[in-house]
Amino acid sequence: MKKKFLFAALIFMFTSAVLSAFGGRDKEAPVVQVTGIVRLVGTALFPELVITGNGHVWHVSSDEKDKLMDMQYSTVTVEAVETVTELHFANGQPAGIRRELRNIRIKTGD
């Protein structure tokens, strides 16, 4: 009796681990093409590089700043992975949307 129970418990634990691994996959973030003006915003202590265009502002990931830093105030077209985060105030009211770009590839006129 104990062997049957132990075998059933092992099967249950194995299938639970396998099923949770498949169910835990995140959706891949979409790759977008963005055209806009590269600007440096923020303060001296917390500067941020953004691309402004089409009524949106995309924040450039801190890892990607070096790629676009020399292109400030020029219009660029990039392909990147976009992460959209909904922001909320402390009282729960919506505060807007933050769009962040990472894995940036600069598109050329070719």
PDB file of N, CA and C in Angstrom:
ATOM      1  N   MET A   1       0.820  -1.192   0.000  1.00  0.00           N
ATOM      2  CA  MET A   1       0.000   0.000   0.000  1.00  0.00           C
ATOM      3  C   MET A   1       0.865   1.257   0.000  1.00  0.00           C
ATOM      4  N   LYS A   2       1.927   1.239   0.802  1.00  0.00           N
ATOM      5  CA  LYS A   2       2.801   2.395   0.879  1.00  0.00           C
ATOM      6  C   LYS A   2       3.517   2.628  -0.446  1.00  0.00           C
ATOM      7  N   LYS A   3       3.882   1.562  -1.145  1.00  0.00           N
ATOM      8  CA  LYS A   3       4.574   1.696  -2.423  1.00  0.00           C
ATOM      9  C   LYS A   3       3.665   2.340  -3.468  1.00  0.00           C
ATOM     10  N   LYS A   4       2.390   1.953  -3.470  1.00  0.00           N
ATOM     11  CA  LYS A   4       1.440   2.544  -4.416  1.00  0.00           C
ATOM     12  C   LYS A   4       1.252   4.035  -4.132  1.00  0.00           C
ATOM     13  N   PHE A   5       1.139   4.374  -2.843  1.00  0.00           N
ATOM     14  CA  PHE A   5       0.967   5.780  -2.465  1.00  0.00           C
ATOM     15  C   PHE A   5       2.209   6.595  -2.837  1.00  0.00           C
ATOM     16  N   LEU A   6       3.385   6.052  -2.568  1.00  0.00           N
ATOM     17  CA  LEU A   6       4.635   6.744  -2.893  1.00  0.00           C
ATOM     18  C   LEU A   6       4.774   6.922  -4.405  1.00  0.00           C
ATOM     19  N   PHE A   7       4.448   5.890  -5.160  1.00  0.00           N
ATOM     20  CA  PHE A   7       4.505   5.975  -6.623  1.00  0.00           C
ATOM     21  C   PHE A   7       3.527   7.027  -7.150  1.00  0.00           C
ATOM     22  N   ALA A   8       2.313   7.050  -6.622  1.00  0.00           N
ATOM     23  CA  ALA A   8       1.310   8.037  -7.046  1.00  0.00           C
ATOM     24  C   ALA A   8       1.759   9.450  -6.688  1.00  0.00           C
ATOM     25  N   ALA A   9       2.368   9.613  -5.518  1.00  0.00           N
ATOM     26  CA  ALA A   9       2.850  10.939  -5.100  1.00  0.00           C
ATOM     27  C   ALA A   9       3.978  11.411  -6.012  1.00  0.00           C
ATOM     28  N   LEU A  10       4.881  10.504  -6.386  1.00  0.00           N
ATOM     29  CA  LEU A  10       5.972  10.875  -7.286  1.00  0.00           C
ATOM     30  C   LEU A  10       5.443  11.267  -8.665  1.00  0.00           C
ATOM     31  N   ILE A  11       4.473  10.523  -9.173  1.00  0.00           N
ATOM     32  CA  ILE A  11       3.870  10.857 -10.471  1.00  0.00           C
ATOM     33  C   ILE A  11       3.199  12.225 -10.395  1.00  0.00           C
ATOM     34  N   PHE A  12       2.468  12.476  -9.312  1.00  0.00           N
ATOM     35  CA  PHE A  12       1.783  13.765  -9.139  1.00  0.00           C
ATOM     36  C   PHE A  12       2.786  14.921  -9.100  1.00  0.00           C
ATOM     37  N   MET A  13       3.874  14.758  -8.344  1.00  0.00           N
ATOM     38  CA  MET A  13       4.880  15.828  -8.244  1.00  0.00           C
ATOM     39  C   MET A  13       5.550  16.064  -9.588  1.00  0.00           C
ATOM     40  N   PHE A  14       5.862  15.013 -10.325  1.00  0.00           N
ATOM     41  CA  PHE A  14       6.507  15.159 -11.621  1.00  0.00           C
ATOM     42  C   PHE A  14       5.590  15.885 -12.614  1.00  0.00           C
ATOM     43  N   THR A  15       4.337  15.456 -12.690  1.00  0.00           N
ATOM     44  CA  THR A  15       3.418  16.104 -13.647  1.00  0.00           C
ATOM     45  C   THR A  15       3.127  17.545 -13.241  1.00  0.00           C
ATOM     46  N   SER A  16       3.072  17.830 -11.947  1.00  0.00           N
ATOM     47  CA  SER A  16       2.858  19.213 -11.490  1.00  0.00           C
ATOM     48  C   SER A  16       4.025  20.100 -11.904  1.00  0.00           C
ATOM     49  N   ALA A  17       5.233  19.587 -11.751  1.00  0.00           N
ATOM     50  CA  ALA A  17       6.418  20.375 -12.124  1.00  0.00           C
ATOM     51  C   ALA A  17       6.453  20.636 -13.623  1.00  0.00           C
ATOM     52  N   VAL A  18       6.123  19.628 -14.415  1.00  0.00           N
ATOM     53  CA  VAL A  18       6.146  19.784 -15.873  1.00  0.00           C
ATOM     54  C   VAL A  18       5.064  20.757 -16.322  1.00  0.00           C
ATOM     55  N   LEU A  19       3.859  20.621 -15.803  1.00  0.00           N
ATOM     56  CA  LEU A  19       2.762  21.503 -16.204  1.00  0.00           C
ATOM     57  C   LEU A  19       2.997  22.953 -15.769  1.00  0.00           C
ATOM     58  N   SER A  20       3.579  23.152 -14.593  1.00  0.00           N
ATOM     59  CA  SER A  20       3.841  24.523 -14.153  1.00  0.00           C
ATOM     60  C   SER A  20       4.933  25.169 -15.003  1.00  0.00           C
ATOM     61  N   ALA A  21       5.859  24.377 -15.491  1.00  0.00           N
ATOM     62  CA  ALA A  21       6.915  24.925 -16.357  1.00  0.00           C
ATOM     63  C   ALA A  21       6.317  25.417 -17.672  1.00  0.00           C
ATOM     64  N   PHE A  22       5.366  24.692 -18.222  1.00  0.00           N
ATOM     65  CA  PHE A  22       4.744  25.125 -19.472  1.00  0.00           C
ATOM     66  C   PHE A  22       3.819  26.315 -19.260  1.00  0.00           C
ATOM     67  N   GLY A  23       3.121  26.359 -18.141  1.00  0.00           N
ATOM     68  CA  GLY A  23       2.173  27.445 -17.890  1.00  0.00           C
ATOM     69  C   GLY A  23       2.837  28.741 -17.487  1.00  0.00           C
ATOM     70  N   GLY A  24       4.105  28.716 -17.101  1.00  0.00           N
ATOM     71  CA  GLY A  24       4.775  29.906 -16.607  1.00  0.00           C
ATOM     72  C   GLY A  24       5.468  30.723 -17.670  1.00  0.00           C
ATOM     73  N   ARG A  25       5.271  30.414 -18.932  1.00  0.00           N
ATOM     74  CA  ARG A  25       5.953  31.164 -19.980  1.00  0.00           C
ATOM     75  C   ARG A  25       5.337  32.537 -20.148  1.00  0.00           C
ATOM     76  N   ASP A  26       6.206  33.528 -20.276  1.00  0.00           N
ATOM     77  CA  ASP A  26       5.745  34.893 -20.516  1.00  0.00           C
ATOM     78  C   ASP A  26       5.538  35.099 -21.999  1.00  0.00           C
ATOM     79  N   LYS A  27       4.653  36.028 -22.322  1.00  0.00           N
ATOM     80  CA  LYS A  27       4.463  36.389 -23.719  1.00  0.00           C
ATOM     81  C   LYS A  27       5.664  37.195 -24.178  1.00  0.00           C
ATOM     82  N   GLU A  28       6.046  37.004 -25.421  1.00  0.00           N
ATOM     83  CA  GLU A  28       7.155  37.774 -25.955  1.00  0.00           C
ATOM     84  C   GLU A  28       6.698  39.199 -26.216  1.00  0.00           C
ATOM     85  N   ALA A  29       7.551  40.152 -25.857  1.00  0.00           N
ATOM     86  CA  ALA A  29       7.224  41.554 -26.086  1.00  0.00           C
ATOM     87  C   ALA A  29       7.278  41.839 -27.583  1.00  0.00           C
ATOM     88  N   PRO A  30       6.399  42.717 -28.071  1.00  0.00           N
ATOM     89  CA  PRO A  30       6.364  42.986 -29.508  1.00  0.00           C
ATOM     90  C   PRO A  30       7.550  43.821 -29.979  1.00  0.00           C
ATOM     91  N   VAL A  31       7.990  43.544 -31.199  1.00  0.00           N
ATOM     92  CA  VAL A  31       9.019  44.361 -31.842  1.00  0.00           C
ATOM     93  C   VAL A  31       8.294  45.449 -32.616  1.00  0.00           C
ATOM     94  N   VAL A  32       8.678  46.688 -32.366  1.00  0.00           N
ATOM     95  CA  VAL A  32       8.026  47.826 -33.009  1.00  0.00           C
ATOM     96  C   VAL A  32       9.041  48.628 -33.801  1.00  0.00           C
ATOM     97  N   GLN A  33       8.546  49.386 -34.764  1.00  0.00           N
ATOM     98  CA  GLN A  33       9.380  50.332 -35.500  1.00  0.00           C
ATOM     99  C   GLN A  33       8.934  51.722 -35.088  1.00  0.00           C
ATOM    100  N   VAL A  34       9.884  52.515 -34.615  1.00  0.00           N
ATOM    101  CA  VAL A  34       9.602  53.840 -34.076  1.00  0.00           C
ATOM    102  C   VAL A  34      10.397  54.871 -34.843  1.00  0.00           C
ATOM    103  N   THR A  35       9.731  55.954 -35.243  1.00  0.00           N
ATOM    104  CA  THR A  35      10.411  57.085 -35.874  1.00  0.00           C
ATOM    105  C   THR A  35      10.134  58.314 -35.028  1.00  0.00           C
ATOM    106  N   GLY A  36      11.191  59.034 -34.667  1.00  0.00           N
ATOM    107  CA  GLY A  36      11.014  60.223 -33.856  1.00  0.00           C
ATOM    108  C   GLY A  36      12.327  60.928 -33.597  1.00  0.00           C
ATOM    109  N   ILE A  37      12.247  61.963 -32.772  1.00  0.00           N
ATOM    110  CA  ILE A  37      13.408  62.791 -32.427  1.00  0.00           C
ATOM    111  C   ILE A  37      14.004  62.274 -31.120  1.00  0.00           C
ATOM    112  N   VAL A  38      15.318  62.086 -31.114  1.00  0.00           N
ATOM    113  CA  VAL A  38      16.029  61.638 -29.912  1.00  0.00           C
ATOM    114  C   VAL A  38      16.294  62.853 -29.039  1.00  0.00           C
ATOM    115  N   ARG A  39      15.854  62.767 -27.767  1.00  0.00           N
ATOM    116  CA  ARG A  39      16.056  63.889 -26.841  1.00  0.00           C
ATOM    117  C   ARG A  39      16.572  63.378 -25.506  1.00  0.00           C
ATOM    118  N   LEU A  40      17.284  64.246 -24.804  1.00  0.00           N
ATOM    119  CA  LEU A  40      17.747  63.957 -23.455  1.00  0.00           C
ATOM    120  C   LEU A  40      16.845  64.740 -22.505  1.00  0.00           C
ATOM    121  N   VAL A  41      16.175  64.041 -21.587  1.00  0.00           N
ATOM    122  CA  VAL A  41      15.260  64.698 -20.651  1.00  0.00           C
ATOM    123  C   VAL A  41      15.633  64.301 -19.229  1.00  0.00           C
ATOM    124  N   GLY A  42      15.029  64.945 -18.255  1.00  0.00           N
ATOM    125  CA  GLY A  42      15.272  64.617 -16.861  1.00  0.00           C
ATOM    126  C   GLY A  42      16.142  65.655 -16.189  1.00  0.00           C
ATOM    127  N   THR A  43      16.835  65.225 -15.150  1.00  0.00           N
ATOM    128  CA  THR A  43      17.704  66.120 -14.387  1.00  0.00           C
ATOM    129  C   THR A  43      19.154  65.688 -14.569  1.00  0.00           C
ATOM    130  N   ALA A  44      20.056  66.500 -14.027  1.00  0.00           N
ATOM    131  CA  ALA A  44      21.475  66.169 -14.138  1.00  0.00           C
ATOM    132  C   ALA A  44      21.790  64.851 -13.426  1.00  0.00           C
ATOM    133  N   LEU A  45      21.062  64.556 -12.348  1.00  0.00           N
ATOM    134  CA  LEU A  45      21.301  63.315 -11.616  1.00  0.00           C
ATOM    135  C   LEU A  45      20.629  62.116 -12.263  1.00  0.00           C
ATOM    136  N   PHE A  46      19.490  62.343 -12.933  1.00  0.00           N
ATOM    137  CA  PHE A  46      18.731  61.246 -13.526  1.00  0.00           C
ATOM    138  C   PHE A  46      18.357  61.553 -14.971  1.00  0.00           C
ATOM    139  N   PRO A  47      19.341  61.617 -15.865  1.00  0.00           N
ATOM    140  CA  PRO A  47      19.012  61.897 -17.272  1.00  0.00           C
ATOM    141  C   PRO A  47      18.411  60.658 -17.944  1.00  0.00           C
ATOM    142  N   GLU A  48      17.477  60.888 -18.856  1.00  0.00           N
ATOM    143  CA  GLU A  48      16.879  59.803 -19.627  1.00  0.00           C
ATOM    144  C   GLU A  48      16.890  60.181 -21.089  1.00  0.00           C
ATOM    145  N   LEU A  49      17.145  59.213 -21.925  1.00  0.00           N
ATOM    146  CA  LEU A  49      17.100  59.406 -23.367  1.00  0.00           C
ATOM    147  C   LEU A  49      15.744  58.905 -23.845  1.00  0.00           C
ATOM    148  N   VAL A  50      15.047  59.737 -24.628  1.00  0.00           N
ATOM    149  CA  VAL A  50      13.731  59.363 -25.135  1.00  0.00           C
ATOM    150  C   VAL A  50      13.668  59.604 -26.635  1.00  0.00           C
ATOM    151  N   ILE A  51      12.735  58.916 -27.281  1.00  0.00           N
ATOM    152  CA  ILE A  51      12.412  59.170 -28.680  1.00  0.00           C
ATOM    153  C   ILE A  51      10.977  59.666 -28.700  1.00  0.00           C
ATOM    154  N   THR A  52      10.769  60.848 -29.262  1.00  0.00           N
ATOM    155  CA  THR A  52       9.443  61.456 -29.300  1.00  0.00           C
ATOM    156  C   THR A  52       8.946  61.481 -30.730  1.00  0.00           C
ATOM    157  N   GLY A  53       7.757  60.924 -30.958  1.00  0.00           N
ATOM    158  CA  GLY A  53       7.163  60.942 -32.288  1.00  0.00           C
ATOM    159  C   GLY A  53       5.791  60.308 -32.284  1.00  0.00           C
ATOM    160  N   ASN A  54       4.966  60.679 -33.227  1.00  0.00           N
ATOM    161  CA  ASN A  54       3.613  60.138 -33.384  1.00  0.00           C
ATOM    162  C   ASN A  54       2.777  60.255 -32.116  1.00  0.00           C
ATOM    163  N   GLY A  55       2.988  61.314 -31.351  1.00  0.00           N
ATOM    164  CA  GLY A  55       2.205  61.528 -30.139  1.00  0.00           C
ATOM    165  C   GLY A  55       2.596  60.656 -28.964  1.00  0.00           C
ATOM    166  N   HIS A  56       3.683  59.921 -29.057  1.00  0.00           N
ATOM    167  CA  HIS A  56       4.140  59.057 -27.965  1.00  0.00           C
ATOM    168  C   HIS A  56       5.565  59.416 -27.589  1.00  0.00           C
ATOM    169  N   VAL A  57       5.945  58.988 -26.389  1.00  0.00           N
ATOM    170  CA  VAL A  57       7.321  59.126 -25.914  1.00  0.00           C
ATOM    171  C   VAL A  57       7.794  57.734 -25.522  1.00  0.00           C
ATOM    172  N   TRP A  58       8.886  57.295 -26.129  1.00  0.00           N
ATOM    173  CA  TRP A  58       9.481  55.999 -25.812  1.00  0.00           C
ATOM    174  C   TRP A  58      10.770  56.246 -25.034  1.00  0.00           C
ATOM    175  N   HIS A  59      10.896  55.678 -23.858  1.00  0.00           N
ATOM    176  CA  HIS A  59      12.104  55.780 -23.048  1.00  0.00           C
ATOM    177  C   HIS A  59      13.087  54.726 -23.527  1.00  0.00           C
ATOM    178  N   VAL A  60      14.321  55.125 -23.712  1.00  0.00           N
ATOM    179  CA  VAL A  60      15.372  54.202 -24.150  1.00  0.00           C
ATOM    180  C   VAL A  60      15.947  53.530 -22.911  1.00  0.00           C
ATOM    181  N   SER A  61      16.046  52.207 -22.950  1.00  0.00           N
ATOM    182  CA  SER A  61      16.598  51.443 -21.833  1.00  0.00           C
ATOM    183  C   SER A  61      17.997  51.954 -21.498  1.00  0.00           C
ATOM    184  N   SER A  62      18.349  51.935 -20.231  1.00  0.00           N
ATOM    185  CA  SER A  62      19.653  52.468 -19.813  1.00  0.00           C
ATOM    186  C   SER A  62      20.805  51.708 -20.461  1.00  0.00           C
ATOM    187  N   ASP A  63      20.602  50.438 -20.797  1.00  0.00           N
ATOM    188  CA  ASP A  63      21.648  49.654 -21.455  1.00  0.00           C
ATOM    189  C   ASP A  63      21.873  50.087 -22.901  1.00  0.00           C
ATOM    190  N   GLU A  64      20.892  50.748 -23.487  1.00  0.00           N
ATOM    191  CA  GLU A  64      20.921  51.091 -24.907  1.00  0.00           C
ATOM    192  C   GLU A  64      21.275  52.561 -25.180  1.00  0.00           C
ATOM    193  N   LYS A  65      21.501  53.346 -24.148  1.00  0.00           N
ATOM    194  CA  LYS A  65      21.739  54.784 -24.322  1.00  0.00           C
ATOM    195  C   LYS A  65      22.926  55.091 -25.223  1.00  0.00           C
ATOM    196  N   ASP A  66      23.980  54.294 -25.129  1.00  0.00           N
ATOM    197  CA  ASP A  66      25.192  54.566 -25.907  1.00  0.00           C
ATOM    198  C   ASP A  66      24.938  54.532 -27.411  1.00  0.00           C
ATOM    199  N   LYS A  67      23.984  53.703 -27.846  1.00  0.00           N
ATOM    200  CA  LYS A  67      23.700  53.594 -29.273  1.00  0.00           C
ATOM    201  C   LYS A  67      23.121  54.882 -29.851  1.00  0.00           C
ATOM    202  N   LEU A  68      22.366  55.632 -29.042  1.00  0.00           N
ATOM    203  CA  LEU A  68      21.654  56.801 -29.552  1.00  0.00           C
ATOM    204  C   LEU A  68      22.137  58.137 -28.985  1.00  0.00           C
ATOM    205  N   MET A  69      23.077  58.112 -28.051  1.00  0.00           N
ATOM    206  CA  MET A  69      23.495  59.348 -27.378  1.00  0.00           C
ATOM    207  C   MET A  69      24.037  60.383 -28.357  1.00  0.00           C
ATOM    208  N   ASP A  70      24.769  59.954 -29.374  1.00  0.00           N
ATOM    209  CA  ASP A  70      25.346  60.900 -30.333  1.00  0.00           C
ATOM    210  C   ASP A  70      24.329  61.394 -31.357  1.00  0.00           C
ATOM    211  N   MET A  71      23.110  60.878 -31.323  1.00  0.00           N
ATOM    212  CA  MET A  71      22.101  61.251 -32.311  1.00  0.00           C
ATOM    213  C   MET A  71      21.043  62.192 -31.734  1.00  0.00           C
ATOM    214  N   GLN A  72      21.373  62.873 -30.635  1.00  0.00           N
ATOM    215  CA  GLN A  72      20.407  63.777 -30.015  1.00  0.00           C
ATOM    216  C   GLN A  72      19.956  64.846 -31.002  1.00  0.00           C
ATOM    217  N   TYR A  73      18.671  65.159 -30.930  1.00  0.00           N
ATOM    218  CA  TYR A  73      18.003  66.176 -31.755  1.00  0.00           C
ATOM    219  C   TYR A  73      17.982  65.834 -33.237  1.00  0.00           C
ATOM    220  N   SER A  74      18.202  64.562 -33.578  1.00  0.00           N
ATOM    221  CA  SER A  74      18.019  64.134 -34.964  1.00  0.00           C
ATOM    222  C   SER A  74      16.856  63.155 -35.010  1.00  0.00           C
ATOM    223  N   THR A  75      16.276  63.051 -36.171  1.00  0.00           N
ATOM    224  CA  THR A  75      15.172  62.121 -36.367  1.00  0.00           C
ATOM    225  C   THR A  75      15.747  60.761 -36.757  1.00  0.00           C
ATOM    226  N   VAL A  76      15.320  59.724 -36.043  1.00  0.00           N
ATOM    227  CA  VAL A  76      15.821  58.371 -36.290  1.00  0.00           C
ATOM    228  C   VAL A  76      14.643  57.406 -36.435  1.00  0.00           C
ATOM    229  N   THR A  77      14.923  56.298 -37.080  1.00  0.00           N
ATOM    230  CA  THR A  77      13.981  55.179 -37.136  1.00  0.00           C
ATOM    231  C   THR A  77      14.690  53.973 -36.554  1.00  0.00           C
ATOM    232  N   VAL A  78      14.063  53.353 -35.561  1.00  0.00           N
ATOM    233  CA  VAL A  78      14.653  52.198 -34.900  1.00  0.00           C
ATOM    234  C   VAL A  78      13.641  51.062 -34.841  1.00  0.00           C
ATOM    235  N   GLU A  79      14.159  49.856 -34.768  1.00  0.00           N
ATOM    236  CA  GLU A  79      13.358  48.682 -34.446  1.00  0.00           C
ATOM    237  C   GLU A  79      13.809  48.233 -33.069  1.00  0.00           C
ATOM    238  N   ALA A  80      12.851  47.943 -32.199  1.00  0.00           N
ATOM    239  CA  ALA A  80      13.203  47.568 -30.834  1.00  0.00           C
ATOM    240  C   ALA A  80      12.070  46.773 -30.207  1.00  0.00           C
ATOM    241  N   VAL A  81      12.391  46.133 -29.103  1.00  0.00           N
ATOM    242  CA  VAL A  81      11.384  45.446 -28.309  1.00  0.00           C
ATOM    243  C   VAL A  81      10.755  46.477 -27.377  1.00  0.00           C
ATOM    244  N   GLU A  82       9.429  46.572 -27.418  1.00  0.00           N
ATOM    245  CA  GLU A  82       8.713  47.569 -26.624  1.00  0.00           C
ATOM    246  C   GLU A  82       8.092  46.917 -25.392  1.00  0.00           C
ATOM    247  N   THR A  83       8.336  47.524 -24.243  1.00  0.00           N
ATOM    248  CA  THR A  83       7.702  47.107 -23.003  1.00  0.00           C
ATOM    249  C   THR A  83       6.788  48.238 -22.557  1.00  0.00           C
ATOM    250  N   VAL A  84       5.519  47.933 -22.360  1.00  0.00           N
ATOM    251  CA  VAL A  84       4.540  48.936 -21.948  1.00  0.00           C
ATOM    252  C   VAL A  84       4.159  48.671 -20.495  1.00  0.00           C
ATOM    253  N   THR A  85       4.286  49.706 -19.657  1.00  0.00           N
ATOM    254  CA  THR A  85       3.958  49.591 -18.240  1.00  0.00           C
ATOM    255  C   THR A  85       2.904  50.628 -17.885  1.00  0.00           C
ATOM    256  N   GLU A  86       1.819  50.185 -17.261  1.00  0.00           N
ATOM    257  CA  GLU A  86       0.801  51.121 -16.794  1.00  0.00           C
ATOM    258  C   GLU A  86       1.245  51.665 -15.446  1.00  0.00           C
ATOM    259  N   LEU A  87       1.253  52.987 -15.313  1.00  0.00           N
ATOM    260  CA  LEU A  87       1.676  53.635 -14.077  1.00  0.00           C
ATOM    261  C   LEU A  87       0.446  54.049 -13.269  1.00  0.00           C
ATOM    262  N   HIS A  88       0.586  54.001 -11.938  1.00  0.00           N
ATOM    263  CA  HIS A  88      -0.512  54.378 -11.052  1.00  0.00           C
ATOM    264  C   HIS A  88       0.026  55.261  -9.937  1.00  0.00           C
ATOM    265  N   PHE A  89      -0.810  56.218  -9.500  1.00  0.00           N
ATOM    266  CA  PHE A  89      -0.477  57.028  -8.342  1.00  0.00           C
ATOM    267  C   PHE A  89      -0.655  56.175  -7.090  1.00  0.00           C
ATOM    268  N   ALA A  90      -0.215  56.716  -5.940  1.00  0.00           N
ATOM    269  CA  ALA A  90      -0.300  55.976  -4.680  1.00  0.00           C
ATOM    270  C   ALA A  90      -1.744  55.665  -4.297  1.00  0.00           C
ATOM    271  N   ASN A  91      -2.686  56.500  -4.734  1.00  0.00           N
ATOM    272  CA  ASN A  91      -4.087  56.257  -4.389  1.00  0.00           C
ATOM    273  C   ASN A  91      -4.784  55.313  -5.376  1.00  0.00           C
ATOM    274  N   GLY A  92      -4.043  54.766  -6.334  1.00  0.00           N
ATOM    275  CA  GLY A  92      -4.597  53.806  -7.268  1.00  0.00           C
ATOM    276  C   GLY A  92      -5.093  54.397  -8.575  1.00  0.00           C
ATOM    277  N   GLN A  93      -5.111  55.706  -8.692  1.00  0.00           N
ATOM    278  CA  GLN A  93      -5.559  56.352  -9.923  1.00  0.00           C
ATOM    279  C   GLN A  93      -4.533  56.121 -11.031  1.00  0.00           C
ATOM    280  N   PRO A  94      -4.982  55.964 -12.280  1.00  0.00           N
ATOM    281  CA  PRO A  94      -4.022  55.783 -13.375  1.00  0.00           C
ATOM    282  C   PRO A  94      -3.174  57.036 -13.585  1.00  0.00           C
ATOM    283  N   ALA A  95      -1.894  56.821 -13.861  1.00  0.00           N
ATOM    284  CA  ALA A  95      -0.966  57.937 -14.054  1.00  0.00           C
ATOM    285  C   ALA A  95      -0.384  57.951 -15.460  1.00  0.00           C
ATOM    286  N   GLY A  96      -0.866  57.087 -16.332  1.00  0.00           N
ATOM    287  CA  GLY A  96      -0.371  57.079 -17.702  1.00  0.00           C
ATOM    288  C   GLY A  96       0.341  55.781 -18.038  1.00  0.00           C
ATOM    289  N   ILE A  97       0.986  55.803 -19.181  1.00  0.00           N
ATOM    290  CA  ILE A  97       1.680  54.624 -19.692  1.00  0.00           C
ATOM    291  C   ILE A  97       3.134  54.979 -19.967  1.00  0.00           C
ATOM    292  N   ARG A  98       4.035  54.101 -19.583  1.00  0.00           N
ATOM    293  CA  ARG A  98       5.464  54.269 -19.889  1.00  0.00           C
ATOM    294  C   ARG A  98       5.845  53.220 -20.916  1.00  0.00           C
ATOM    295  N   ARG A  99       6.393  53.679 -22.035  1.00  0.00           N
ATOM    296  CA  ARG A  99       6.851  52.792 -23.093  1.00  0.00           C
ATOM    297  C   ARG A  99       8.379  52.792 -23.070  1.00  0.00           C
ATOM    298  N   GLU A 100       8.966  51.602 -22.990  1.00  0.00           N
ATOM    299  CA  GLU A 100      10.426  51.495 -22.940  1.00  0.00           C
ATOM    300  C   GLU A 100      10.906  50.619 -24.089  1.00  0.00           C
ATOM    301  N   LEU A 101      12.007  51.040 -24.708  1.00  0.00           N
ATOM    302  CA  LEU A 101      12.600  50.311 -25.825  1.00  0.00           C
ATOM    303  C   LEU A 101      13.901  49.654 -25.385  1.00  0.00           C
ATOM    304  N   ARG A 102      14.071  48.389 -25.803  1.00  0.00           N
ATOM    305  CA  ARG A 102      15.337  47.685 -25.563  1.00  0.00           C
ATOM    306  C   ARG A 102      15.654  46.838 -26.795  1.00  0.00           C
ATOM    307  N   ASN A 103      16.854  46.343 -26.873  1.00  0.00           N
ATOM    308  CA  ASN A 103      17.335  45.599 -28.052  1.00  0.00           C
ATOM    309  C   ASN A 103      17.150  46.439 -29.319  1.00  0.00           C
ATOM    310  N   ILE A 104      17.643  47.639 -29.277  1.00  0.00           N
ATOM    311  CA  ILE A 104      17.440  48.627 -30.347  1.00  0.00           C
ATOM    312  C   ILE A 104      18.365  48.346 -31.532  1.00  0.00           C
ATOM    313  N   ARG A 105      17.779  48.398 -32.724  1.00  0.00           N
ATOM    314  CA  ARG A 105      18.547  48.353 -33.981  1.00  0.00           C
ATOM    315  C   ARG A 105      18.182  49.598 -34.775  1.00  0.00           C
ATOM    316  N   ILE A 106      19.188  50.380 -35.101  1.00  0.00           N
ATOM    317  CA  ILE A 106      18.966  51.611 -35.860  1.00  0.00           C
ATOM    318  C   ILE A 106      18.778  51.263 -37.326  1.00  0.00           C
ATOM    319  N   LYS A 107      17.687  51.742 -37.910  1.00  0.00           N
ATOM    320  CA  LYS A 107      17.389  51.500 -39.310  1.00  0.00           C
ATOM    321  C   LYS A 107      18.085  52.558 -40.151  1.00  0.00           C
ATOM    322  N   THR A 108      18.687  52.140 -41.231  1.00  0.00           N
ATOM    323  CA  THR A 108      19.348  53.061 -42.139  1.00  0.00           C
ATOM    324  C   THR A 108      18.497  53.226 -43.386  1.00  0.00           C
ATOM    325  N   GLY A 109      18.865  54.129 -44.245  1.00  0.00           N
ATOM    326  CA  GLY A 109      18.107  54.412 -45.444  1.00  0.00           C
ATOM    327  C   GLY A 109      18.321  53.424 -46.562  1.00  0.00           C
ATOM    328  N   ASP A 110      18.966  52.278 -46.292  1.00  0.00           N
ATOM    329  CA  ASP A 110      19.251  51.288 -47.344  1.00  0.00           C
ATOM    330  C   ASP A 110      17.996  50.702 -47.917  1.00  0.00           C
TER     331      ASP A 110
END
